[in-house]
Amino acid sequence: MIAKKRVKTQAPNNSARAPFWLRGGERPGAPVEEKAMMVFQPDILIGSQFQSTYQRRFHLDPEKVLMLAVLQDAVVCFQENVSANCKRKQVMHLDAEAWILNDDKSYLFSFENVCEALGYDAGYMRAGLLRWKRAALVNRTEKGTRHAMGRVGT
């Protein structure tokens, strides 16, 4: 038979051993239930603190919000449909690419004007998107080659 060890219990040290939710504002001698309920006390916030979580950090005019949405949609269409097989998705990619590559400033929502209004460098963004496309197509070609070589070997 295995003998059990006796463990000496020490008197609890409230400041060092108390859970984090009980440290600090507890009353000495308060019942444990009251101390545990302190976790569920409401936070006191002023209205501006509460509203700040639901507001944008930067303020844009409605026109600029629309321009940002147009730019975002074009980039998403450009990137998500770069290797699409569906004709409709290919057309979406080609339309987005044509809009991005067009350097015409004669209409308000051109790529150049949208980038300028939002404070982006259109040339830098255009070069980055084209660099991304080249890398995505190279990765697609490499995956296709590996996949085809796997079939040949079997």
N, C-alpha and C. Protein backbone atom coordinates (compact mmCIF):
# COMPACT_ATOMS: atom_id res chain seq x y z
N MET A 1 0.84 -1.17 0.00
CA MET A 1 0.00 0.00 0.00
C MET A 1 0.89 1.24 0.00
N ILE A 2 0.46 2.26 -0.77
CA ILE A 2 1.23 3.49 -0.89
C ILE A 2 0.77 4.47 0.17
N ALA A 3 1.73 5.01 0.86
CA ALA A 3 1.41 5.98 1.91
C ALA A 3 1.22 7.35 1.28
N LYS A 4 0.23 8.06 1.76
CA LYS A 4 -0.03 9.40 1.27
C LYS A 4 0.75 10.41 2.09
N LYS A 5 1.27 11.41 1.40
CA LYS A 5 1.98 12.46 2.08
C LYS A 5 0.99 13.44 2.65
N ARG A 6 1.32 13.95 3.78
CA ARG A 6 0.49 15.00 4.37
C ARG A 6 1.06 16.34 3.96
N VAL A 7 0.18 17.19 3.52
CA VAL A 7 0.59 18.52 3.09
C VAL A 7 0.16 19.51 4.14
N LYS A 8 1.10 20.34 4.54
CA LYS A 8 0.77 21.38 5.51
C LYS A 8 0.10 22.53 4.78
N THR A 9 -0.98 22.98 5.31
CA THR A 9 -1.65 24.14 4.72
C THR A 9 -1.20 25.38 5.44
N GLN A 10 -0.99 26.42 4.63
CA GLN A 10 -0.57 27.69 5.22
C GLN A 10 -1.77 28.62 5.26
N ALA A 11 -1.70 29.55 6.15
CA ALA A 11 -2.74 30.56 6.23
C ALA A 11 -2.71 31.36 4.94
N PRO A 12 -3.88 31.61 4.30
CA PRO A 12 -3.88 32.31 3.03
C PRO A 12 -3.42 33.76 3.18
N ASN A 13 -2.61 34.18 2.25
CA ASN A 13 -2.16 35.56 2.19
C ASN A 13 -3.02 36.25 1.13
N ASN A 14 -3.95 37.07 1.56
CA ASN A 14 -4.95 37.63 0.65
C ASN A 14 -4.35 38.46 -0.47
N SER A 15 -3.27 39.18 -0.22
CA SER A 15 -2.74 40.05 -1.26
C SER A 15 -2.00 39.25 -2.34
N ALA A 16 -1.36 38.14 -1.95
CA ALA A 16 -0.58 37.41 -2.93
C ALA A 16 -1.36 36.27 -3.57
N ARG A 17 -2.32 35.68 -2.87
CA ARG A 17 -2.99 34.49 -3.35
C ARG A 17 -4.39 34.75 -3.91
N ALA A 18 -4.91 35.93 -3.76
CA ALA A 18 -6.28 36.20 -4.21
C ALA A 18 -6.31 36.27 -5.73
N PRO A 19 -7.40 35.78 -6.32
CA PRO A 19 -7.52 35.89 -7.78
C PRO A 19 -7.52 37.35 -8.21
N PHE A 20 -7.17 37.57 -9.48
CA PHE A 20 -7.03 38.95 -9.97
C PHE A 20 -8.31 39.75 -9.84
N TRP A 21 -9.46 39.11 -9.90
CA TRP A 21 -10.71 39.87 -9.84
C TRP A 21 -11.10 40.25 -8.42
N LEU A 22 -10.38 39.71 -7.44
CA LEU A 22 -10.69 40.05 -6.06
C LEU A 22 -9.66 40.99 -5.45
N ARG A 23 -8.54 41.16 -6.09
CA ARG A 23 -7.50 42.01 -5.53
C ARG A 23 -7.91 43.46 -5.61
N GLY A 24 -7.52 44.19 -4.65
CA GLY A 24 -7.78 45.62 -4.69
C GLY A 24 -8.97 46.02 -3.83
N GLY A 25 -10.13 46.24 -4.45
CA GLY A 25 -11.25 46.90 -3.78
C GLY A 25 -12.11 46.03 -2.89
N GLU A 26 -11.66 44.85 -2.49
CA GLU A 26 -12.53 44.03 -1.64
C GLU A 26 -12.53 44.54 -0.21
N ARG A 27 -13.65 44.29 0.41
CA ARG A 27 -13.75 44.68 1.83
C ARG A 27 -13.25 43.53 2.67
N PRO A 28 -12.46 43.80 3.70
CA PRO A 28 -12.03 42.71 4.58
C PRO A 28 -13.24 42.13 5.31
N GLY A 29 -13.30 40.83 5.34
CA GLY A 29 -14.39 40.17 6.04
C GLY A 29 -15.65 40.02 5.20
N ALA A 30 -15.65 40.45 3.95
CA ALA A 30 -16.83 40.30 3.10
C ALA A 30 -16.96 38.85 2.69
N PRO A 31 -18.21 38.39 2.53
CA PRO A 31 -18.39 37.00 2.11
C PRO A 31 -17.81 36.75 0.72
N VAL A 32 -17.44 35.50 0.47
CA VAL A 32 -16.81 35.13 -0.78
C VAL A 32 -17.74 35.42 -1.96
N GLU A 33 -19.06 35.20 -1.78
CA GLU A 33 -20.02 35.45 -2.86
C GLU A 33 -20.01 36.91 -3.28
N GLU A 34 -19.92 37.81 -2.30
CA GLU A 34 -19.90 39.23 -2.61
C GLU A 34 -18.63 39.59 -3.37
N LYS A 35 -17.51 39.00 -2.97
CA LYS A 35 -16.25 39.26 -3.65
C LYS A 35 -16.30 38.74 -5.09
N ALA A 36 -16.87 37.57 -5.28
CA ALA A 36 -16.95 36.99 -6.62
C ALA A 36 -17.87 37.80 -7.52
N MET A 37 -18.90 38.43 -6.97
CA MET A 37 -19.84 39.20 -7.78
C MET A 37 -19.25 40.52 -8.26
N MET A 38 -18.11 40.92 -7.70
CA MET A 38 -17.47 42.15 -8.14
C MET A 38 -17.06 42.07 -9.60
N VAL A 39 -16.86 40.85 -10.12
CA VAL A 39 -16.50 40.66 -11.51
C VAL A 39 -17.61 41.16 -12.42
N PHE A 40 -18.85 41.04 -11.98
CA PHE A 40 -20.00 41.35 -12.82
C PHE A 40 -20.53 42.77 -12.63
N GLN A 41 -19.76 43.62 -11.99
CA GLN A 41 -20.18 45.00 -11.82
C GLN A 41 -20.08 45.73 -13.15
N PRO A 42 -21.00 46.63 -13.44
CA PRO A 42 -20.97 47.33 -14.74
C PRO A 42 -19.80 48.30 -14.82
N ASP A 43 -19.29 48.45 -16.03
CA ASP A 43 -18.25 49.45 -16.28
C ASP A 43 -18.92 50.81 -16.39
N ILE A 44 -18.24 51.81 -15.94
CA ILE A 44 -18.78 53.16 -16.03
C ILE A 44 -18.08 53.86 -17.19
N LEU A 45 -18.84 54.17 -18.23
CA LEU A 45 -18.31 54.85 -19.40
C LEU A 45 -19.11 56.11 -19.66
N ILE A 46 -18.45 57.09 -20.17
CA ILE A 46 -19.20 58.26 -20.62
C ILE A 46 -19.60 58.01 -22.07
N GLY A 47 -20.55 58.74 -22.55
CA GLY A 47 -21.10 58.51 -23.88
C GLY A 47 -20.07 58.55 -24.99
N SER A 48 -19.13 59.48 -24.92
CA SER A 48 -18.13 59.60 -25.98
C SER A 48 -17.20 58.38 -26.02
N GLN A 49 -16.91 57.78 -24.86
CA GLN A 49 -16.09 56.59 -24.83
C GLN A 49 -16.81 55.42 -25.49
N PHE A 50 -18.10 55.29 -25.23
CA PHE A 50 -18.88 54.21 -25.82
C PHE A 50 -19.00 54.40 -27.33
N GLN A 51 -19.30 55.63 -27.76
CA GLN A 51 -19.49 55.90 -29.18
C GLN A 51 -18.20 55.79 -29.97
N SER A 52 -17.05 56.00 -29.32
CA SER A 52 -15.78 55.97 -30.04
C SER A 52 -15.47 54.59 -30.61
N THR A 53 -16.05 53.55 -30.06
CA THR A 53 -15.81 52.21 -30.60
C THR A 53 -16.56 51.97 -31.89
N TYR A 54 -17.57 52.76 -32.18
CA TYR A 54 -18.38 52.58 -33.38
C TYR A 54 -18.12 53.63 -34.44
N GLN A 55 -17.15 54.48 -34.26
CA GLN A 55 -16.87 55.53 -35.22
C GLN A 55 -15.55 55.26 -35.93
N ARG A 56 -15.44 55.75 -37.15
CA ARG A 56 -14.19 55.62 -37.90
C ARG A 56 -13.10 56.42 -37.22
N ARG A 57 -11.89 55.95 -37.37
CA ARG A 57 -10.74 56.64 -36.80
C ARG A 57 -10.34 57.85 -37.65
N PHE A 58 -10.67 57.81 -38.93
CA PHE A 58 -10.36 58.92 -39.81
C PHE A 58 -11.67 59.35 -40.46
N HIS A 59 -11.79 60.59 -40.72
CA HIS A 59 -13.03 61.13 -41.27
C HIS A 59 -12.83 61.47 -42.74
N LEU A 60 -13.71 60.94 -43.58
CA LEU A 60 -13.66 61.21 -45.00
C LEU A 60 -14.98 61.84 -45.43
N ASP A 61 -14.91 62.65 -46.45
CA ASP A 61 -16.12 63.17 -47.05
C ASP A 61 -16.84 62.01 -47.74
N PRO A 62 -18.15 62.11 -47.92
CA PRO A 62 -18.88 61.03 -48.59
C PRO A 62 -18.33 60.71 -49.98
N GLU A 63 -17.86 61.72 -50.70
CA GLU A 63 -17.30 61.50 -52.03
C GLU A 63 -16.04 60.64 -51.94
N LYS A 64 -15.23 60.91 -50.93
CA LYS A 64 -14.00 60.13 -50.77
C LYS A 64 -14.30 58.70 -50.31
N VAL A 65 -15.35 58.53 -49.52
CA VAL A 65 -15.77 57.18 -49.12
C VAL A 65 -16.16 56.39 -50.36
N LEU A 66 -16.89 57.03 -51.26
CA LEU A 66 -17.28 56.38 -52.51
C LEU A 66 -16.05 56.06 -53.36
N MET A 67 -15.11 56.98 -53.44
CA MET A 67 -13.89 56.74 -54.20
C MET A 67 -13.09 55.58 -53.61
N LEU A 68 -13.02 55.52 -52.30
CA LEU A 68 -12.32 54.41 -51.65
C LEU A 68 -13.01 53.09 -51.95
N ALA A 69 -14.33 53.08 -51.97
CA ALA A 69 -15.08 51.85 -52.28
C ALA A 69 -14.82 51.43 -53.73
N VAL A 70 -14.77 52.38 -54.65
CA VAL A 70 -14.49 52.07 -56.06
C VAL A 70 -13.08 51.48 -56.20
N LEU A 71 -12.12 52.08 -55.55
CA LEU A 71 -10.74 51.59 -55.60
C LEU A 71 -10.63 50.20 -54.98
N GLN A 72 -11.27 50.02 -53.86
CA GLN A 72 -11.23 48.72 -53.19
C GLN A 72 -11.86 47.64 -54.07
N ASP A 73 -13.00 47.94 -54.68
CA ASP A 73 -13.67 46.97 -55.54
C ASP A 73 -12.80 46.62 -56.74
N ALA A 74 -12.14 47.60 -57.32
CA ALA A 74 -11.28 47.34 -58.47
C ALA A 74 -10.11 46.43 -58.08
N VAL A 75 -9.51 46.69 -56.94
CA VAL A 75 -8.38 45.87 -56.50
C VAL A 75 -8.84 44.44 -56.19
N VAL A 76 -9.99 44.31 -55.57
CA VAL A 76 -10.52 42.97 -55.27
C VAL A 76 -10.83 42.22 -56.56
N CYS A 77 -11.50 42.87 -57.51
CA CYS A 77 -11.79 42.23 -58.81
C CYS A 77 -10.50 41.86 -59.53
N PHE A 78 -9.50 42.71 -59.46
CA PHE A 78 -8.22 42.46 -60.12
C PHE A 78 -7.52 41.25 -59.50
N GLN A 79 -7.51 41.17 -58.18
CA GLN A 79 -6.74 40.11 -57.53
C GLN A 79 -7.50 38.78 -57.46
N GLU A 80 -8.76 38.82 -57.17
CA GLU A 80 -9.50 37.56 -56.99
C GLU A 80 -9.74 36.83 -58.31
N ASN A 81 -9.77 37.54 -59.42
CA ASN A 81 -10.09 36.92 -60.69
C ASN A 81 -8.90 36.81 -61.63
N VAL A 82 -7.70 36.92 -61.11
CA VAL A 82 -6.51 36.90 -61.95
C VAL A 82 -6.34 35.56 -62.66
N SER A 83 -6.72 34.49 -62.04
CA SER A 83 -6.55 33.16 -62.66
C SER A 83 -7.89 32.45 -62.82
N ALA A 84 -8.93 33.23 -63.07
CA ALA A 84 -10.27 32.65 -63.17
C ALA A 84 -10.44 31.92 -64.50
N ASN A 85 -11.25 30.87 -64.47
CA ASN A 85 -11.58 30.12 -65.67
C ASN A 85 -12.92 30.55 -66.25
N CYS A 86 -13.75 31.12 -65.43
CA CYS A 86 -15.08 31.58 -65.84
C CYS A 86 -14.93 32.85 -66.69
N LYS A 87 -15.66 32.90 -67.79
CA LYS A 87 -15.57 34.05 -68.71
C LYS A 87 -15.97 35.35 -68.02
N ARG A 88 -17.02 35.32 -67.21
CA ARG A 88 -17.49 36.52 -66.52
C ARG A 88 -16.43 37.05 -65.57
N LYS A 89 -15.77 36.17 -64.83
CA LYS A 89 -14.72 36.60 -63.90
C LYS A 89 -13.48 37.09 -64.64
N GLN A 90 -13.19 36.50 -65.78
CA GLN A 90 -12.07 36.98 -66.59
C GLN A 90 -12.34 38.40 -67.07
N VAL A 91 -13.59 38.66 -67.48
CA VAL A 91 -13.96 40.00 -67.93
C VAL A 91 -13.85 41.00 -66.77
N MET A 92 -14.25 40.59 -65.56
CA MET A 92 -14.12 41.46 -64.40
C MET A 92 -12.66 41.82 -64.16
N HIS A 93 -11.78 40.83 -64.27
CA HIS A 93 -10.35 41.08 -64.08
C HIS A 93 -9.82 42.02 -65.16
N LEU A 94 -10.19 41.77 -66.39
CA LEU A 94 -9.69 42.60 -67.49
C LEU A 94 -10.22 44.03 -67.39
N ASP A 95 -11.47 44.20 -66.98
CA ASP A 95 -12.01 45.55 -66.79
C ASP A 95 -11.27 46.29 -65.68
N ALA A 96 -11.03 45.61 -64.57
CA ALA A 96 -10.31 46.23 -63.46
C ALA A 96 -8.88 46.57 -63.88
N GLU A 97 -8.26 45.68 -64.62
CA GLU A 97 -6.89 45.93 -65.07
C GLU A 97 -6.84 47.11 -66.04
N ALA A 98 -7.81 47.19 -66.95
CA ALA A 98 -7.86 48.31 -67.89
C ALA A 98 -8.05 49.63 -67.14
N TRP A 99 -8.89 49.63 -66.10
CA TRP A 99 -9.13 50.85 -65.32
C TRP A 99 -7.86 51.26 -64.58
N ILE A 100 -7.16 50.27 -64.03
CA ILE A 100 -5.93 50.55 -63.28
C ILE A 100 -4.82 51.06 -64.21
N LEU A 101 -4.72 50.50 -65.40
CA LEU A 101 -3.65 50.88 -66.32
C LEU A 101 -3.93 52.18 -67.07
N ASN A 102 -5.18 52.63 -67.08
CA ASN A 102 -5.54 53.85 -67.80
C ASN A 102 -5.02 55.07 -67.03
N ASP A 103 -4.24 55.90 -67.69
CA ASP A 103 -3.69 57.08 -67.02
C ASP A 103 -4.43 58.36 -67.40
N ASP A 104 -5.63 58.21 -67.91
CA ASP A 104 -6.46 59.36 -68.29
C ASP A 104 -7.01 60.04 -67.03
N LYS A 105 -6.94 61.34 -66.99
CA LYS A 105 -7.45 62.10 -65.84
C LYS A 105 -8.69 62.92 -66.21
N SER A 106 -9.30 62.63 -67.35
CA SER A 106 -10.39 63.48 -67.82
C SER A 106 -11.71 63.23 -67.11
N TYR A 107 -11.89 62.08 -66.48
CA TYR A 107 -13.13 61.87 -65.76
C TYR A 107 -12.86 61.70 -64.27
N LEU A 108 -13.86 62.03 -63.47
CA LEU A 108 -13.69 62.16 -62.02
C LEU A 108 -13.22 60.87 -61.36
N PHE A 109 -13.81 59.74 -61.75
CA PHE A 109 -13.49 58.49 -61.08
C PHE A 109 -12.46 57.66 -61.83
N SER A 110 -11.51 58.31 -62.47
CA SER A 110 -10.40 57.58 -63.08
C SER A 110 -9.47 57.11 -61.97
N PHE A 111 -8.66 56.11 -62.30
CA PHE A 111 -7.72 55.57 -61.32
C PHE A 111 -6.79 56.67 -60.79
N GLU A 112 -6.30 57.47 -61.69
CA GLU A 112 -5.38 58.55 -61.31
C GLU A 112 -6.05 59.53 -60.36
N ASN A 113 -7.27 59.96 -60.68
CA ASN A 113 -7.97 60.94 -59.85
C ASN A 113 -8.38 60.36 -58.51
N VAL A 114 -8.81 59.10 -58.50
CA VAL A 114 -9.20 58.46 -57.24
C VAL A 114 -8.00 58.36 -56.31
N CYS A 115 -6.87 57.90 -56.84
CA CYS A 115 -5.67 57.78 -56.01
C CYS A 115 -5.21 59.14 -55.51
N GLU A 116 -5.28 60.15 -56.37
CA GLU A 116 -4.86 61.49 -55.97
C GLU A 116 -5.77 62.05 -54.87
N ALA A 117 -7.07 61.85 -55.01
CA ALA A 117 -8.02 62.36 -54.02
C ALA A 117 -7.84 61.68 -52.66
N LEU A 118 -7.45 60.40 -52.69
CA LEU A 118 -7.27 59.66 -51.43
C LEU A 118 -5.87 59.78 -50.86
N GLY A 119 -4.97 60.41 -51.61
CA GLY A 119 -3.61 60.61 -51.11
C GLY A 119 -2.67 59.46 -51.41
N TYR A 120 -3.00 58.63 -52.41
CA TYR A 120 -2.13 57.51 -52.80
C TYR A 120 -1.35 57.90 -54.04
N ASP A 121 -0.19 57.31 -54.20
CA ASP A 121 0.61 57.49 -55.40
C ASP A 121 0.12 56.46 -56.42
N ALA A 122 -0.50 56.93 -57.49
CA ALA A 122 -1.11 56.03 -58.47
C ALA A 122 -0.05 55.16 -59.15
N GLY A 123 1.09 55.72 -59.50
CA GLY A 123 2.15 54.95 -60.15
C GLY A 123 2.68 53.84 -59.26
N TYR A 124 2.85 54.15 -57.99
CA TYR A 124 3.35 53.15 -57.04
C TYR A 124 2.34 52.02 -56.87
N MET A 125 1.06 52.38 -56.74
CA MET A 125 0.03 51.37 -56.57
C MET A 125 -0.11 50.53 -57.83
N ARG A 126 -0.05 51.16 -58.99
CA ARG A 126 -0.14 50.44 -60.26
C ARG A 126 1.01 49.45 -60.39
N ALA A 127 2.23 49.91 -60.10
CA ALA A 127 3.41 49.03 -60.20
C ALA A 127 3.31 47.86 -59.21
N GLY A 128 2.81 48.14 -58.01
CA GLY A 128 2.66 47.06 -57.02
C GLY A 128 1.64 46.03 -57.45
N LEU A 129 0.52 46.47 -58.02
CA LEU A 129 -0.50 45.53 -58.48
C LEU A 129 0.00 44.69 -59.66
N LEU A 130 0.74 45.30 -60.56
CA LEU A 130 1.28 44.55 -61.69
C LEU A 130 2.36 43.56 -61.24
N ARG A 131 3.17 43.96 -60.26
CA ARG A 131 4.17 43.06 -59.69
C ARG A 131 3.49 41.88 -59.01
N TRP A 132 2.38 42.17 -58.30
CA TRP A 132 1.62 41.10 -57.65
C TRP A 132 1.04 40.15 -58.69
N LYS A 133 0.52 40.67 -59.80
CA LYS A 133 -0.06 39.83 -60.84
C LYS A 133 1.00 38.91 -61.44
N ARG A 134 2.19 39.45 -61.74
CA ARG A 134 3.26 38.61 -62.30
C ARG A 134 3.60 37.48 -61.35
N ALA A 135 3.72 37.79 -60.06
CA ALA A 135 4.06 36.75 -59.08
C ALA A 135 2.94 35.71 -58.97
N ALA A 136 1.69 36.16 -59.03
CA ALA A 136 0.56 35.22 -58.94
C ALA A 136 0.52 34.30 -60.15
N LEU A 137 0.81 34.83 -61.34
CA LEU A 137 0.80 34.01 -62.55
C LEU A 137 1.98 33.04 -62.56
N VAL A 138 3.14 33.46 -62.04
CA VAL A 138 4.29 32.55 -61.96
C VAL A 138 3.97 31.41 -60.99
N ASN A 139 3.36 31.73 -59.86
CA ASN A 139 2.99 30.69 -58.89
C ASN A 139 1.98 29.73 -59.50
N ARG A 140 1.05 30.26 -60.27
CA ARG A 140 0.03 29.41 -60.92
C ARG A 140 0.70 28.49 -61.93
N THR A 141 1.64 29.02 -62.71
CA THR A 141 2.34 28.21 -63.71
C THR A 141 3.17 27.13 -63.04
N GLU A 142 3.85 27.48 -61.96
CA GLU A 142 4.67 26.48 -61.24
C GLU A 142 3.81 25.39 -60.65
N LYS A 143 2.66 25.74 -60.09
CA LYS A 143 1.76 24.73 -59.53
C LYS A 143 1.22 23.82 -60.63
N GLY A 144 0.89 24.42 -61.78
CA GLY A 144 0.39 23.63 -62.90
C GLY A 144 1.44 22.68 -63.42
N THR A 145 2.68 23.14 -63.49
CA THR A 145 3.78 22.29 -63.96
C THR A 145 4.02 21.13 -63.00
N ARG A 146 4.03 21.42 -61.71
CA ARG A 146 4.22 20.36 -60.71
C ARG A 146 3.08 19.36 -60.77
N HIS A 147 1.85 19.86 -60.94
CA HIS A 147 0.67 19.00 -61.00
C HIS A 147 0.76 18.11 -62.25
N ALA A 148 1.15 18.67 -63.40
CA ALA A 148 1.26 17.92 -64.63
C ALA A 148 2.38 16.88 -64.54
N MET A 149 3.50 17.24 -63.91
CA MET A 149 4.60 16.30 -63.76
C MET A 149 4.21 15.15 -62.83
N GLY A 150 3.37 15.44 -61.86
CA GLY A 150 2.88 14.39 -60.97
C GLY A 150 2.03 13.38 -61.72
N ARG A 151 1.27 13.83 -62.70
CA ARG A 151 0.45 12.92 -63.51
C ARG A 151 1.33 12.09 -64.44
N VAL A 152 2.36 12.69 -65.01
CA VAL A 152 3.23 11.98 -65.94
C VAL A 152 3.95 10.85 -65.21
N GLY A 153 4.36 11.09 -64.00
CA GLY A 153 5.11 10.09 -63.25
C GLY A 153 4.27 8.89 -62.82
N THR A 154 2.95 9.02 -62.80
CA THR A 154 2.12 7.91 -62.33
C THR A 154 1.78 6.95 -63.41
